[in-house]
Amino acid sequence: MKRIFLFTIFSLLIFSFRLHAQSHFRAGFSFGPLASDVLGTDTRDDDADFHHLGFSVGGIVHTELSEGNSFQFEINYITKGATSPPDSANNGYYKLTLNYLEVPFVFRHDIKFNVKKKPVTRFQLEGGFAVARLVHFNEKVNNYSQTFGAENVNKTEASLLVGINYIVTPQFYFGLRYENGLIPALKKNSIQSYFVRYTFNNGNNMVVQFTAHYIFGKGPDKVEETPPPPAQ
């Protein structure tokens, strides 16, 4: 797993330097924490509690499509999964670790609005999809009634994502993203939880992710515009 990760990052850095020389593309990197869950892994209740903490780190290739619209291609190492804390007797602890190499394809659109008659242009909406390949799987169990095993884990995952970004400078921005699986992480027929009824989302990864992004090179300014002076 470590060799795959290091090779991917090294290859992406070389690719990024090549793209950096081209006027239409800008390269960069991203990192940040996340909280995730897999619906159907908690036998005590039927909720998405997002107790599993992880992170994402990777590279970016970015290009402007038109005024206010852009496209972003990413390669990330991302740690998803589910965690059920123990009960008051310290029983029932469960942790499912699912680490992926993930490739998101993201479309971004600038949004503009007024605050006290002053235009604000620091925000973006984003949406897209991602495909991922499992590189590490692990379960930790303490008196837990349900385990899945590697044979019940799908090695390929696909998901939809939506998010909002806050632009600090043309090179640096923060993003908040939600991602929901389309291809389940766990095979649906492996989920036998008493509490979880069969739904389209059973076995799917659900991720809330906060990320810092840095993109090399000069991009179009996305800052507050100064309103024109009042007419005399």
C-alpha atoms as a PDB file:
ATOM      1  CA  MET A   1       0.000   0.000   0.000  1.00  0.00           C
ATOM      2  CA  LYS A   2       2.767   2.465   0.913  1.00  0.00           C
ATOM      3  CA  ARG A   3       4.620   1.730  -2.324  1.00  0.00           C
ATOM      4  CA  ILE A   4       1.452   2.370  -4.355  1.00  0.00           C
ATOM      5  CA  PHE A   5       0.821   5.612  -2.489  1.00  0.00           C
ATOM      6  CA  LEU A   6       4.388   6.914  -2.867  1.00  0.00           C
ATOM      7  CA  PHE A   7       4.536   5.950  -6.534  1.00  0.00           C
ATOM      8  CA  THR A   8       1.240   7.730  -7.212  1.00  0.00           C
ATOM      9  CA  ILE A   9       2.326  10.928  -5.464  1.00  0.00           C
ATOM     10  CA  PHE A  10       5.717  10.891  -7.216  1.00  0.00           C
ATOM     11  CA  SER A  11       4.092  10.381 -10.620  1.00  0.00           C
ATOM     12  CA  LEU A  12       1.582  13.140  -9.935  1.00  0.00           C
ATOM     13  CA  LEU A  13       4.322  15.613  -8.994  1.00  0.00           C
ATOM     14  CA  ILE A  14       6.153  14.949 -12.266  1.00  0.00           C
ATOM     15  CA  PHE A  15       2.875  15.286 -14.173  1.00  0.00           C
ATOM     16  CA  SER A  16       2.070  18.519 -12.333  1.00  0.00           C
ATOM     17  CA  PHE A  17       5.395  20.158 -13.233  1.00  0.00           C
ATOM     18  CA  ARG A  18       4.830  19.322 -16.902  1.00  0.00           C
ATOM     19  CA  LEU A  19       1.311  20.768 -16.863  1.00  0.00           C
ATOM     20  CA  HIS A  20       2.492  23.849 -15.012  1.00  0.00           C
ATOM     21  CA  ALA A  21       4.392  24.887 -18.144  1.00  0.00           C
ATOM     22  CA  GLN A  22       1.161  24.919 -20.157  1.00  0.00           C
ATOM     23  CA  SER A  23      -0.986  28.054 -20.018  1.00  0.00           C
ATOM     24  CA  HIS A  24      -4.358  26.289 -19.812  1.00  0.00           C
ATOM     25  CA  PHE A  25      -3.583  24.055 -16.824  1.00  0.00           C
ATOM     26  CA  ARG A  26      -2.563  24.677 -13.240  1.00  0.00           C
ATOM     27  CA  ALA A  27      -1.425  22.009 -10.800  1.00  0.00           C
ATOM     28  CA  GLY A  28      -1.498  21.853  -7.014  1.00  0.00           C
ATOM     29  CA  PHE A  29      -2.201  19.758  -3.944  1.00  0.00           C
ATOM     30  CA  SER A  30      -4.814  19.338  -1.221  1.00  0.00           C
ATOM     31  CA  PHE A  31      -5.092  17.880   2.270  1.00  0.00           C
ATOM     32  CA  GLY A  32      -7.533  17.833   5.150  1.00  0.00           C
ATOM     33  CA  PRO A  33      -9.550  15.872   7.730  1.00  0.00           C
ATOM     34  CA  LEU A  34     -12.826  14.033   7.183  1.00  0.00           C
ATOM     35  CA  ALA A  35     -15.565  12.148   9.015  1.00  0.00           C
ATOM     36  CA  SER A  36     -17.217   9.112   7.430  1.00  0.00           C
ATOM     37  CA  ASP A  37     -19.677   6.278   7.970  1.00  0.00           C
ATOM     38  CA  VAL A  38     -20.925   3.169   6.155  1.00  0.00           C
ATOM     39  CA  LEU A  39     -24.669   2.681   6.499  1.00  0.00           C
ATOM     40  CA  GLY A  40     -25.487  -0.758   7.894  1.00  0.00           C
ATOM     41  CA  THR A  41     -22.391  -1.278  10.031  1.00  0.00           C
ATOM     42  CA  ASP A  42     -23.945  -0.092  13.307  1.00  0.00           C
ATOM     43  CA  THR A  43     -26.179  -2.770  14.858  1.00  0.00           C
ATOM     44  CA  ARG A  44     -27.215  -0.626  17.828  1.00  0.00           C
ATOM     45  CA  ASP A  45     -29.235   1.964  15.929  1.00  0.00           C
ATOM     46  CA  ASP A  46     -30.146   3.120  12.452  1.00  0.00           C
ATOM     47  CA  ASP A  47     -28.271   6.384  12.104  1.00  0.00           C
ATOM     48  CA  ALA A  48     -25.316   7.869  10.290  1.00  0.00           C
ATOM     49  CA  ASP A  49     -23.170   9.109  13.157  1.00  0.00           C
ATOM     50  CA  PHE A  50     -19.905   9.805  11.255  1.00  0.00           C
ATOM     51  CA  HIS A  51     -17.706   8.659  14.143  1.00  0.00           C
ATOM     52  CA  HIS A  52     -14.915   7.452  11.855  1.00  0.00           C
ATOM     53  CA  LEU A  53     -12.199  10.088  11.476  1.00  0.00           C
ATOM     54  CA  GLY A  54      -9.753  10.089   8.603  1.00  0.00           C
ATOM     55  CA  PHE A  55      -7.937  12.306   6.126  1.00  0.00           C
ATOM     56  CA  SER A  56      -7.396  12.969   2.444  1.00  0.00           C
ATOM     57  CA  VAL A  57      -4.191  14.074   0.689  1.00  0.00           C
ATOM     58  CA  GLY A  58      -3.370  14.311  -2.983  1.00  0.00           C
ATOM     59  CA  GLY A  59      -2.789  16.350  -6.122  1.00  0.00           C
ATOM     60  CA  ILE A  60      -4.859  18.624  -8.364  1.00  0.00           C
ATOM     61  CA  VAL A  61      -4.956  19.492 -12.052  1.00  0.00           C
ATOM     62  CA  HIS A  62      -7.137  22.571 -12.648  1.00  0.00           C
ATOM     63  CA  THR A  63      -8.315  24.387 -15.769  1.00  0.00           C
ATOM     64  CA  GLU A  64     -10.683  27.277 -16.457  1.00  0.00           C
ATOM     65  CA  LEU A  65     -13.556  26.381 -18.815  1.00  0.00           C
ATOM     66  CA  SER A  66     -15.200  29.777 -19.181  1.00  0.00           C
ATOM     67  CA  GLU A  67     -15.891  32.911 -17.190  1.00  0.00           C
ATOM     68  CA  GLY A  68     -16.861  31.691 -13.706  1.00  0.00           C
ATOM     69  CA  ASN A  69     -16.616  27.961 -14.557  1.00  0.00           C
ATOM     70  CA  SER A  70     -13.747  25.523 -14.100  1.00  0.00           C
ATOM     71  CA  PHE A  71     -12.918  21.819 -14.044  1.00  0.00           C
ATOM     72  CA  GLN A  72     -10.703  20.010 -11.570  1.00  0.00           C
ATOM     73  CA  PHE A  73      -9.160  16.537 -11.721  1.00  0.00           C
ATOM     74  CA  GLU A  74      -7.759  15.087  -8.493  1.00  0.00           C
ATOM     75  CA  ILE A  75      -5.828  12.020  -7.344  1.00  0.00           C
ATOM     76  CA  ASN A  76      -6.245  11.457  -3.588  1.00  0.00           C
ATOM     77  CA  TYR A  77      -5.297   8.958  -0.938  1.00  0.00           C
ATOM     78  CA  ILE A  78      -8.396   8.943   1.282  1.00  0.00           C
ATOM     79  CA  THR A  79      -9.209   7.015   4.464  1.00  0.00           C
ATOM     80  CA  LYS A  80     -12.893   6.133   4.830  1.00  0.00           C
ATOM     81  CA  GLY A  81     -14.783   3.648   7.000  1.00  0.00           C
ATOM     82  CA  ALA A  82     -17.046   3.351  10.035  1.00  0.00           C
ATOM     83  CA  THR A  83     -16.574   3.329  13.802  1.00  0.00           C
ATOM     84  CA  SER A  84     -19.001   2.276  16.544  1.00  0.00           C
ATOM     85  CA  PRO A  85     -17.858   3.370  20.023  1.00  0.00           C
ATOM     86  CA  PRO A  86     -18.208   0.841  22.870  1.00  0.00           C
ATOM     87  CA  ASP A  87     -21.165   0.854  25.233  1.00  0.00           C
ATOM     88  CA  SER A  88     -21.015   1.649  28.957  1.00  0.00           C
ATOM     89  CA  ALA A  89     -19.631  -1.853  29.638  1.00  0.00           C
ATOM     90  CA  ASN A  90     -16.859  -1.280  27.088  1.00  0.00           C
ATOM     91  CA  ASN A  91     -18.382  -3.824  24.709  1.00  0.00           C
ATOM     92  CA  GLY A  92     -19.496  -3.523  21.131  1.00  0.00           C
ATOM     93  CA  TYR A  93     -16.548  -1.581  19.756  1.00  0.00           C
ATOM     94  CA  TYR A  94     -16.223  -1.873  15.988  1.00  0.00           C
ATOM     95  CA  LYS A  95     -13.933  -0.159  13.468  1.00  0.00           C
ATOM     96  CA  LEU A  96     -13.996  -0.660   9.714  1.00  0.00           C
ATOM     97  CA  THR A  97     -11.068   0.872   7.805  1.00  0.00           C
ATOM     98  CA  LEU A  98     -11.359   1.385   4.040  1.00  0.00           C
ATOM     99  CA  ASN A  99      -8.475   3.269   2.423  1.00  0.00           C
ATOM    100  CA  TYR A 100      -8.633   4.188  -1.263  1.00  0.00           C
ATOM    101  CA  LEU A 101      -6.796   5.772  -4.128  1.00  0.00           C
ATOM    102  CA  GLU A 102      -9.577   8.026  -5.396  1.00  0.00           C
ATOM    103  CA  VAL A 103      -9.934  10.100  -8.562  1.00  0.00           C
ATOM    104  CA  PRO A 104     -12.594  12.868  -8.351  1.00  0.00           C
ATOM    105  CA  PHE A 105     -13.786  14.779 -11.430  1.00  0.00           C
ATOM    106  CA  VAL A 106     -15.157  18.113 -10.216  1.00  0.00           C
ATOM    107  CA  PHE A 107     -16.966  20.980 -11.962  1.00  0.00           C
ATOM    108  CA  ARG A 108     -16.848  24.335 -10.154  1.00  0.00           C
ATOM    109  CA  HIS A 109     -19.011  27.432 -10.573  1.00  0.00           C
ATOM    110  CA  ASP A 110     -18.447  30.881  -9.059  1.00  0.00           C
ATOM    111  CA  ILE A 111     -21.372  32.327  -7.153  1.00  0.00           C
ATOM    112  CA  LYS A 112     -21.914  36.033  -6.603  1.00  0.00           C
ATOM    113  CA  PHE A 113     -24.212  37.787  -4.172  1.00  0.00           C
ATOM    114  CA  ASN A 114     -24.473  41.086  -2.332  1.00  0.00           C
ATOM    115  CA  VAL A 115     -23.930  41.727   1.367  1.00  0.00           C
ATOM    116  CA  LYS A 116     -25.062  45.216   2.394  1.00  0.00           C
ATOM    117  CA  LYS A 117     -25.000  46.192  -1.300  1.00  0.00           C
ATOM    118  CA  LYS A 118     -21.388  45.046  -1.620  1.00  0.00           C
ATOM    119  CA  PRO A 119     -20.675  42.299  -4.207  1.00  0.00           C
ATOM    120  CA  VAL A 120     -19.052  39.145  -2.789  1.00  0.00           C
ATOM    121  CA  THR A 121     -17.274  36.776  -5.196  1.00  0.00           C
ATOM    122  CA  ARG A 122     -15.249  34.540  -2.892  1.00  0.00           C
ATOM    123  CA  PHE A 123     -17.500  31.459  -3.033  1.00  0.00           C
ATOM    124  CA  GLN A 124     -17.844  28.537  -5.435  1.00  0.00           C
ATOM    125  CA  LEU A 125     -20.231  25.632  -5.748  1.00  0.00           C
ATOM    126  CA  GLU A 126     -18.855  22.315  -6.946  1.00  0.00           C
ATOM    127  CA  GLY A 127     -20.247  18.978  -8.035  1.00  0.00           C
ATOM    128  CA  GLY A 128     -19.045  15.840  -9.730  1.00  0.00           C
ATOM    129  CA  PHE A 129     -18.242  12.197  -9.247  1.00  0.00           C
ATOM    130  CA  ALA A 130     -15.330  10.056  -8.125  1.00  0.00           C
ATOM    131  CA  VAL A 131     -14.004   6.557  -8.790  1.00  0.00           C
ATOM    132  CA  ALA A 132     -11.773   4.775  -6.298  1.00  0.00           C
ATOM    133  CA  ARG A 133      -9.783   1.588  -5.816  1.00  0.00           C
ATOM    134  CA  LEU A 134      -9.435  -0.046  -2.408  1.00  0.00           C
ATOM    135  CA  VAL A 135      -5.813  -0.385  -1.252  1.00  0.00           C
ATOM    136  CA  HIS A 136      -6.324  -1.315   2.418  1.00  0.00           C
ATOM    137  CA  PHE A 137      -9.081  -3.044   4.411  1.00  0.00           C
ATOM    138  CA  ASN A 138      -9.180  -3.811   8.125  1.00  0.00           C
ATOM    139  CA  GLU A 139     -11.727  -4.626  10.853  1.00  0.00           C
ATOM    140  CA  LYS A 140     -11.336  -4.357  14.624  1.00  0.00           C
ATOM    141  CA  VAL A 141     -14.023  -6.081  16.657  1.00  0.00           C
ATOM    142  CA  ASN A 142     -14.849  -6.294  20.382  1.00  0.00           C
ATOM    143  CA  ASN A 143     -17.940  -8.407  21.172  1.00  0.00           C
ATOM    144  CA  TYR A 144     -19.574  -7.166  18.006  1.00  0.00           C
ATOM    145  CA  SER A 145     -22.316  -9.288  16.465  1.00  0.00           C
ATOM    146  CA  GLN A 146     -21.563  -8.463  12.828  1.00  0.00           C
ATOM    147  CA  THR A 147     -18.378  -8.638  10.796  1.00  0.00           C
ATOM    148  CA  PHE A 148     -18.049  -8.519   7.049  1.00  0.00           C
ATOM    149  CA  GLY A 149     -14.675  -9.883   5.975  1.00  0.00           C
ATOM    150  CA  ALA A 150     -12.665  -8.931   2.889  1.00  0.00           C
ATOM    151  CA  GLU A 151     -14.804 -11.151   0.647  1.00  0.00           C
ATOM    152  CA  ASN A 152     -17.786  -8.831   1.229  1.00  0.00           C
ATOM    153  CA  VAL A 153     -15.950  -5.619   0.319  1.00  0.00           C
ATOM    154  CA  ASN A 154     -16.124  -4.164  -3.195  1.00  0.00           C
ATOM    155  CA  LYS A 155     -12.643  -3.195  -4.345  1.00  0.00           C
ATOM    156  CA  THR A 156     -13.949  -0.564  -6.780  1.00  0.00           C
ATOM    157  CA  GLU A 157     -16.125   2.310  -5.611  1.00  0.00           C
ATOM    158  CA  ALA A 158     -17.959   5.145  -7.361  1.00  0.00           C
ATOM    159  CA  SER A 159     -19.600   8.132  -5.690  1.00  0.00           C
ATOM    160  CA  LEU A 160     -21.266  11.492  -6.242  1.00  0.00           C
ATOM    161  CA  LEU A 161     -20.004  14.648  -4.535  1.00  0.00           C
ATOM    162  CA  VAL A 162     -21.169  18.210  -3.889  1.00  0.00           C
ATOM    163  CA  GLY A 163     -19.472  21.023  -2.033  1.00  0.00           C
ATOM    164  CA  ILE A 164     -18.787  24.687  -1.470  1.00  0.00           C
ATOM    165  CA  ASN A 165     -15.435  26.500  -1.583  1.00  0.00           C
ATOM    166  CA  TYR A 166     -14.172  29.704  -0.008  1.00  0.00           C
ATOM    167  CA  ILE A 167     -11.517  31.478  -2.080  1.00  0.00           C
ATOM    168  CA  VAL A 168      -8.797  33.102   0.034  1.00  0.00           C
ATOM    169  CA  THR A 169      -6.483  33.985  -2.882  1.00  0.00           C
ATOM    170  CA  PRO A 170      -6.383  32.910  -6.549  1.00  0.00           C
ATOM    171  CA  GLN A 171      -4.003  30.125  -5.433  1.00  0.00           C
ATOM    172  CA  PHE A 172      -5.441  29.079  -2.063  1.00  0.00           C
ATOM    173  CA  TYR A 173      -8.937  28.058  -1.001  1.00  0.00           C
ATOM    174  CA  PHE A 174     -10.830  25.960   1.549  1.00  0.00           C
ATOM    175  CA  GLY A 175     -13.504  23.439   0.617  1.00  0.00           C
ATOM    176  CA  LEU A 176     -16.333  21.629   2.395  1.00  0.00           C
ATOM    177  CA  ARG A 177     -17.510  18.540   0.484  1.00  0.00           C
ATOM    178  CA  TYR A 178     -20.076  15.773   0.956  1.00  0.00           C
ATOM    179  CA  GLU A 179     -19.593  12.475  -0.874  1.00  0.00           C
ATOM    180  CA  ASN A 180     -22.066   9.579  -1.122  1.00  0.00           C
ATOM    181  CA  GLY A 181     -21.339   6.195  -2.674  1.00  0.00           C
ATOM    182  CA  LEU A 182     -23.069   4.892  -5.809  1.00  0.00           C
ATOM    183  CA  ILE A 183     -21.281   1.539  -5.862  1.00  0.00           C
ATOM    184  CA  PRO A 184     -21.454   0.262  -2.258  1.00  0.00           C
ATOM    185  CA  ALA A 185     -18.281  -0.273  -0.276  1.00  0.00           C
ATOM    186  CA  LEU A 186     -19.877  -3.358   1.320  1.00  0.00           C
ATOM    187  CA  LYS A 187     -21.894  -5.822  -0.735  1.00  0.00           C
ATOM    188  CA  LYS A 188     -25.535  -5.284   0.111  1.00  0.00           C
ATOM    189  CA  ASN A 189     -26.275  -8.964   0.726  1.00  0.00           C
ATOM    190  CA  SER A 190     -23.651  -8.948   3.508  1.00  0.00           C
ATOM    191  CA  ILE A 191     -25.606  -6.436   5.619  1.00  0.00           C
ATOM    192  CA  GLN A 192     -27.900  -8.281   8.012  1.00  0.00           C
ATOM    193  CA  SER A 193     -28.365  -5.617  10.668  1.00  0.00           C
ATOM    194  CA  TYR A 194     -31.648  -5.872  12.589  1.00  0.00           C
ATOM    195  CA  PHE A 195     -31.861  -2.105  12.820  1.00  0.00           C
ATOM    196  CA  VAL A 196     -31.112  -1.170   9.218  1.00  0.00           C
ATOM    197  CA  ARG A 197     -33.873  -1.658   6.689  1.00  0.00           C
ATOM    198  CA  TYR A 198     -32.932  -2.250   3.065  1.00  0.00           C
ATOM    199  CA  THR A 199     -32.392   1.103   1.346  1.00  0.00           C
ATOM    200  CA  PHE A 200     -30.490   2.298  -1.700  1.00  0.00           C
ATOM    201  CA  ASN A 201     -27.735   3.607   0.598  1.00  0.00           C
ATOM    202  CA  ASN A 202     -26.989   0.399   2.500  1.00  0.00           C
ATOM    203  CA  GLY A 203     -23.274  -0.413   2.448  1.00  0.00           C
ATOM    204  CA  ASN A 204     -22.339   2.948   0.917  1.00  0.00           C
ATOM    205  CA  ASN A 205     -19.564   5.224   2.077  1.00  0.00           C
ATOM    206  CA  MET A 206     -20.758   8.644   3.282  1.00  0.00           C
ATOM    207  CA  VAL A 207     -18.083  11.286   3.786  1.00  0.00           C
ATOM    208  CA  VAL A 208     -17.997  14.876   5.084  1.00  0.00           C
ATOM    209  CA  GLN A 209     -14.646  16.382   4.147  1.00  0.00           C
ATOM    210  CA  PHE A 210     -12.898  19.681   4.945  1.00  0.00           C
ATOM    211  CA  THR A 211      -9.919  20.378   2.699  1.00  0.00           C
ATOM    212  CA  ALA A 212      -7.302  23.055   2.088  1.00  0.00           C
ATOM    213  CA  HIS A 213      -6.226  23.434  -1.559  1.00  0.00           C
ATOM    214  CA  TYR A 214      -3.229  25.180  -3.079  1.00  0.00           C
ATOM    215  CA  ILE A 215      -2.885  25.637  -6.855  1.00  0.00           C
ATOM    216  CA  PHE A 216       0.383  26.899  -8.358  1.00  0.00           C
ATOM    217  CA  GLY A 217       0.411  29.727 -10.881  1.00  0.00           C
ATOM    218  CA  LYS A 218      -1.570  32.898 -11.344  1.00  0.00           C
ATOM    219  CA  GLY A 219      -5.294  32.397 -11.817  1.00  0.00           C
ATOM    220  CA  PRO A 220      -8.196  34.773 -12.321  1.00  0.00           C
ATOM    221  CA  ASP A 221      -8.847  36.989  -9.310  1.00  0.00           C
ATOM    222  CA  LYS A 222     -11.904  35.984  -7.281  1.00  0.00           C
ATOM    223  CA  VAL A 223     -12.186  38.749  -4.703  1.00  0.00           C
ATOM    224  CA  GLU A 224     -14.796  41.240  -3.662  1.00  0.00           C
ATOM    225  CA  GLU A 225     -15.451  43.865  -6.300  1.00  0.00           C
ATOM    226  CA  THR A 226     -15.417  47.523  -5.279  1.00  0.00           C
ATOM    227  CA  PRO A 227     -18.783  49.062  -6.118  1.00  0.00           C
ATOM    228  CA  PRO A 228     -18.692  52.118  -8.383  1.00  0.00           C
ATOM    229  CA  PRO A 229     -18.969  55.537  -6.709  1.00  0.00           C
ATOM    230  CA  PRO A 230     -22.458  57.048  -6.594  1.00  0.00           C
ATOM    231  CA  ALA A 231     -23.394  59.312  -9.447  1.00  0.00           C
ATOM    232  CA  GLN A 232     -22.916  62.997  -8.752  1.00  0.00           C
END
